[in-house]
Amino acid sequence: MLNFIKKIFNRSSTLIEEPSSIDEFLKQLNLKTDKPELYETALTHGSFVKSQIESNERLEFVGDAVLGAAIADILFQYFPGKNEGKMSKMRSKLVSREALNQLGILLEIPKYLKHRIGKNEFRISNNYIGNAFEALIGAIYLDKGYDFTLNFVLEKVINPFTDLNELDNKIKDFKSHVIIWAQKGKRSFEFIVDRYPDGEEDERFRAKLLIDGDLISEGIGRNKKTAQQNAAQKAILELGIVD
């Protein structure tokens, strides 16, 4: 449960409706533009078009990078003195797939999203919504620039829908979390760390996490600790470990 998001939707998907007009969406967000086609594309899932270029995938690519930068900017200003490791974990939570899905729902993206799914399905996958949210950020950036996008993320997303202080309290040591989970379930666990890629100048470390002898996840980092934390974080998502 993402308690740092103020309004929670306990649904893995949302009911399908005919998409409303893009003008209505822009008005709802108080966005004025002479490039409405950017926003049309941002709200067009790949299932709706024949070519990926016409879908929101390219905008999603841009939005992913811009959103990460904006969140980093906001956290840096909001938490003076907070160390890099803690802020990185906070950013990871804010841009996690589950968080993006929920934020997309809160912005009512499903109401405007163009998509197609199987004839026997009656709900939109939340992943479609989270992807469209990132594409929206990409569209705003290309239309208005970084400063405007940063303010949009702060005023339209962070302030109304998240609690950064609650998020700060929720940050955990991923490795310890996995270890506690394994011990409770009487499962064996092992972190195996080696250099990666071996023999190159810019060497990093790779950690492999084994649960009951099975490889669950791998993580890369500039030091052993970071590599293990990254492997543990991936394992938490892979195994569905909850608080």
Protein backbone atom coordinates (compact mmCIF):
# COMPACT_ATOMS: atom_id res chain seq x y z
CA MET A 1 0.00 0.00 0.00
CA LEU A 2 1.44 3.37 -1.00
CA ASN A 3 0.49 5.35 2.09
CA PHE A 4 2.43 8.41 0.94
CA ILE A 5 -0.13 8.86 -1.85
CA LYS A 6 -2.99 10.62 -0.14
CA LYS A 7 -5.87 9.01 -2.07
CA ILE A 8 -5.55 5.30 -2.73
CA PHE A 9 -7.22 3.21 -5.40
CA ASN A 10 -7.25 -0.48 -4.44
CA ARG A 11 -7.92 -1.62 -8.01
CA SER A 12 -5.53 -3.21 -10.45
CA SER A 13 -7.45 -1.68 -13.32
CA THR A 14 -10.24 0.74 -14.05
CA LEU A 15 -13.47 0.38 -15.98
CA ILE A 16 -13.39 1.19 -19.68
CA GLU A 17 -15.24 4.27 -20.89
CA GLU A 18 -15.28 6.13 -24.19
CA PRO A 19 -12.43 8.67 -24.04
CA SER A 20 -13.45 12.28 -23.50
CA SER A 21 -12.03 15.18 -25.52
CA ILE A 22 -8.44 16.36 -25.17
CA ASP A 23 -9.67 19.94 -24.79
CA GLU A 24 -11.58 18.93 -21.68
CA PHE A 25 -8.49 17.24 -20.27
CA LEU A 26 -6.28 20.27 -20.88
CA LYS A 27 -8.87 22.56 -19.35
CA GLN A 28 -9.07 20.32 -16.28
CA LEU A 29 -5.30 20.62 -15.84
CA ASN A 30 -5.34 24.35 -16.64
CA LEU A 31 -2.98 23.77 -19.57
CA LYS A 32 -3.07 26.16 -22.50
CA THR A 33 -1.24 25.02 -25.63
CA ASP A 34 -0.89 25.52 -29.34
CA LYS A 35 0.37 21.93 -29.65
CA PRO A 36 -2.69 19.83 -28.74
CA GLU A 37 -1.37 17.01 -30.93
CA LEU A 38 1.36 16.33 -28.34
CA TYR A 39 -1.26 15.66 -25.69
CA GLU A 40 -3.39 13.60 -28.07
CA THR A 41 -0.35 11.40 -28.65
CA ALA A 42 0.45 11.22 -24.94
CA LEU A 43 -3.00 9.77 -24.31
CA THR A 44 -2.86 7.26 -27.18
CA HIS A 45 -1.74 3.78 -26.13
CA GLY A 46 0.14 1.53 -28.55
CA SER A 47 -2.83 -0.83 -28.74
CA PHE A 48 -4.81 1.91 -30.46
CA VAL A 49 -2.47 2.53 -33.40
CA LYS A 50 -0.55 0.48 -35.96
CA SER A 51 2.80 2.25 -35.56
CA GLN A 52 4.72 2.82 -32.33
CA ILE A 53 5.69 6.27 -33.63
CA GLU A 54 2.02 7.27 -33.49
CA SER A 55 1.57 5.98 -29.94
CA ASN A 56 2.68 7.51 -26.65
CA GLU A 57 5.78 5.32 -26.31
CA ARG A 58 8.28 7.96 -27.47
CA LEU A 59 6.73 10.58 -25.20
CA GLU A 60 6.78 8.05 -22.37
CA PHE A 61 10.54 7.70 -22.93
CA VAL A 62 11.02 11.46 -22.59
CA GLY A 63 8.62 11.75 -19.68
CA ASP A 64 10.37 9.03 -17.72
CA ALA A 65 13.65 10.99 -17.81
CA VAL A 66 12.07 14.40 -17.16
CA LEU A 67 9.91 13.14 -14.29
CA GLY A 68 12.94 11.58 -12.63
CA ALA A 69 14.83 14.88 -12.90
CA ALA A 70 11.87 16.89 -11.59
CA ILE A 71 11.36 14.58 -8.61
CA ALA A 72 15.09 14.78 -7.82
CA ASP A 73 14.89 18.58 -8.00
CA ILE A 74 11.89 18.70 -5.67
CA LEU A 75 13.39 16.31 -3.13
CA PHE A 76 16.68 18.21 -3.13
CA GLN A 77 14.85 21.45 -2.29
CA TYR A 78 12.38 19.90 0.18
CA PHE A 79 14.94 17.93 2.19
CA PRO A 80 18.07 20.09 2.64
CA GLY A 81 20.85 17.98 4.08
CA LYS A 82 19.26 14.65 3.18
CA ASN A 83 21.89 12.23 1.91
CA GLU A 84 21.99 10.96 -1.68
CA GLY A 85 21.09 7.38 -0.78
CA LYS A 86 17.92 8.36 1.08
CA MET A 87 16.78 10.73 -1.67
CA SER A 88 17.41 8.06 -4.31
CA LYS A 89 15.15 5.64 -2.44
CA MET A 90 12.45 8.29 -2.09
CA ARG A 91 12.61 9.08 -5.80
CA SER A 92 12.40 5.36 -6.60
CA LYS A 93 9.17 5.10 -4.62
CA LEU A 94 7.65 8.18 -6.26
CA VAL A 95 8.39 6.92 -9.77
CA SER A 96 7.60 3.26 -9.09
CA ARG A 97 5.13 1.64 -11.46
CA GLU A 98 2.48 1.38 -8.75
CA ALA A 99 2.84 5.05 -7.79
CA LEU A 100 2.66 6.21 -11.42
CA ASN A 101 -0.42 4.09 -12.02
CA GLN A 102 -2.21 5.59 -9.03
CA LEU A 103 -1.17 9.15 -9.87
CA GLY A 104 -2.47 8.65 -13.41
CA ILE A 105 -5.83 7.59 -12.03
CA LEU A 106 -5.93 10.61 -9.72
CA LEU A 107 -5.39 12.88 -12.72
CA GLU A 108 -8.32 11.07 -14.40
CA ILE A 109 -6.20 9.86 -17.32
CA PRO A 110 -8.42 6.77 -17.88
CA LYS A 111 -11.24 9.10 -18.88
CA TYR A 112 -9.18 10.42 -21.80
CA LEU A 113 -6.95 7.48 -22.74
CA LYS A 114 -7.31 5.97 -26.22
CA HIS A 115 -6.64 2.24 -26.21
CA ARG A 116 -7.86 -1.17 -27.29
CA ILE A 117 -7.91 -4.35 -25.22
CA GLY A 118 -9.31 -7.85 -25.62
CA LYS A 119 -12.98 -8.23 -26.34
CA ASN A 120 -13.55 -10.16 -23.12
CA GLU A 121 -11.82 -7.57 -20.93
CA PHE A 122 -13.73 -4.83 -19.19
CA ARG A 123 -10.99 -2.89 -17.42
CA ILE A 124 -7.94 -0.91 -18.47
CA SER A 125 -4.67 -2.19 -17.08
CA ASN A 126 -3.26 0.34 -14.66
CA ASN A 127 0.07 0.02 -16.45
CA TYR A 128 -1.50 1.72 -19.47
CA ILE A 129 -2.41 4.59 -17.17
CA GLY A 130 1.02 4.92 -15.58
CA ASN A 131 2.66 4.88 -19.01
CA ALA A 132 0.30 7.60 -20.20
CA PHE A 133 1.13 9.67 -17.11
CA GLU A 134 4.82 9.56 -18.05
CA ALA A 135 3.93 10.42 -21.66
CA LEU A 136 1.93 13.40 -20.41
CA ILE A 137 4.98 14.69 -18.55
CA GLY A 138 6.98 14.24 -21.76
CA ALA A 139 4.40 16.21 -23.73
CA ILE A 140 4.40 19.06 -21.22
CA TYR A 141 8.19 19.21 -21.30
CA LEU A 142 8.35 19.36 -25.10
CA ASP A 143 5.58 21.95 -25.17
CA LYS A 144 6.52 24.17 -22.23
CA GLY A 145 10.09 23.38 -21.18
CA TYR A 146 11.63 22.09 -17.97
CA ASP A 147 10.75 24.91 -15.55
CA PHE A 148 7.05 24.74 -16.42
CA THR A 149 7.11 20.94 -16.15
CA LEU A 150 8.84 21.10 -12.77
CA ASN A 151 6.15 23.44 -11.48
CA PHE A 152 3.41 21.21 -12.92
CA VAL A 153 4.81 18.16 -11.14
CA LEU A 154 5.03 20.10 -7.89
CA GLU A 155 1.66 21.86 -8.03
CA LYS A 156 -0.50 19.29 -9.83
CA VAL A 157 1.03 16.04 -8.56
CA ILE A 158 3.26 16.29 -5.49
CA ASN A 159 1.38 18.87 -3.44
CA PRO A 160 -2.19 17.59 -3.93
CA PHE A 161 -1.57 13.87 -4.07
CA THR A 162 1.54 12.96 -2.06
CA ASP A 163 2.90 13.38 1.44
CA LEU A 164 6.68 13.68 1.29
CA ASN A 165 7.03 13.48 5.05
CA GLU A 166 5.09 10.22 5.10
CA LEU A 167 7.27 8.97 2.25
CA ASP A 168 10.40 9.88 4.21
CA ASN A 169 9.19 7.81 7.15
CA LYS A 170 8.48 4.84 4.87
CA ILE A 171 11.96 4.53 3.36
CA LYS A 172 13.47 1.18 4.28
CA ASP A 173 16.63 -0.80 3.89
CA PHE A 174 15.60 -3.14 1.04
CA LYS A 175 18.18 -5.78 1.93
CA SER A 176 17.03 -5.92 5.55
CA HIS A 177 13.42 -6.09 4.38
CA VAL A 178 14.16 -9.13 2.22
CA ILE A 179 16.17 -10.81 5.00
CA ILE A 180 13.35 -10.34 7.52
CA TRP A 181 10.83 -11.69 5.01
CA ALA A 182 13.01 -14.75 4.32
CA GLN A 183 13.58 -15.44 7.99
CA LYS A 184 9.88 -15.23 8.77
CA GLY A 185 9.14 -17.75 6.02
CA LYS A 186 12.07 -19.95 7.04
CA ARG A 187 13.61 -19.52 3.59
CA SER A 188 17.34 -19.61 2.89
CA PHE A 189 18.88 -16.56 1.24
CA GLU A 190 22.27 -15.60 -0.15
CA PHE A 191 23.79 -12.53 -1.82
CA ILE A 192 26.61 -13.33 -4.25
CA VAL A 193 28.65 -10.30 -5.31
CA ASP A 194 31.22 -10.05 -8.10
CA ARG A 195 32.78 -7.34 -10.22
CA TYR A 196 30.91 -6.35 -13.38
CA PRO A 197 31.95 -6.06 -16.09
CA ASP A 198 35.12 -7.87 -15.14
CA GLY A 199 38.42 -6.28 -16.15
CA GLU A 200 37.06 -2.97 -17.50
CA GLU A 201 38.18 0.42 -16.25
CA ASP A 202 34.74 1.53 -15.05
CA GLU A 203 34.10 -1.59 -12.99
CA ARG A 204 30.96 -1.94 -10.96
CA PHE A 205 29.60 -4.64 -8.71
CA ARG A 206 26.85 -7.13 -9.49
CA ALA A 207 24.86 -8.76 -6.71
CA LYS A 208 22.79 -11.90 -7.26
CA LEU A 209 20.08 -12.74 -4.74
CA LEU A 210 19.23 -16.40 -4.27
CA ILE A 211 16.19 -17.55 -2.31
CA ASP A 212 16.10 -21.25 -1.46
CA GLY A 213 18.88 -21.70 -4.02
CA ASP A 214 16.95 -20.05 -6.87
CA LEU A 215 18.19 -16.87 -8.55
CA ILE A 216 15.53 -14.22 -7.94
CA SER A 217 17.16 -10.96 -8.98
CA GLU A 218 20.36 -9.13 -9.84
CA GLY A 219 21.48 -5.62 -9.01
CA ILE A 220 24.31 -3.43 -10.29
CA GLY A 221 26.03 -0.73 -8.24
CA ARG A 222 29.25 1.22 -7.84
CA ASN A 223 29.88 -0.59 -4.57
CA LYS A 224 28.83 -3.89 -3.04
CA LYS A 225 26.24 -2.34 -0.72
CA THR A 226 24.43 -0.51 -3.52
CA ALA A 227 24.44 -3.60 -5.72
CA GLN A 228 22.88 -5.67 -2.93
CA GLN A 229 20.26 -3.01 -2.21
CA ASN A 230 19.32 -2.87 -5.90
CA ALA A 231 19.04 -6.66 -6.07
CA ALA A 232 16.89 -6.68 -2.94
CA GLN A 233 14.60 -3.95 -4.28
CA LYS A 234 14.03 -5.92 -7.49
CA ALA A 235 13.31 -9.05 -5.44
CA ILE A 236 10.68 -7.19 -3.43
CA LEU A 237 8.86 -6.35 -6.69
CA GLU A 238 9.42 -9.80 -8.20
CA LEU A 239 8.16 -11.69 -5.15
CA GLY A 240 5.39 -9.25 -4.24
CA ILE A 241 6.77 -8.67 -0.75
CA VAL A 242 4.58 -6.17 1.07
CA ASP A 243 5.04 -4.22 4.29
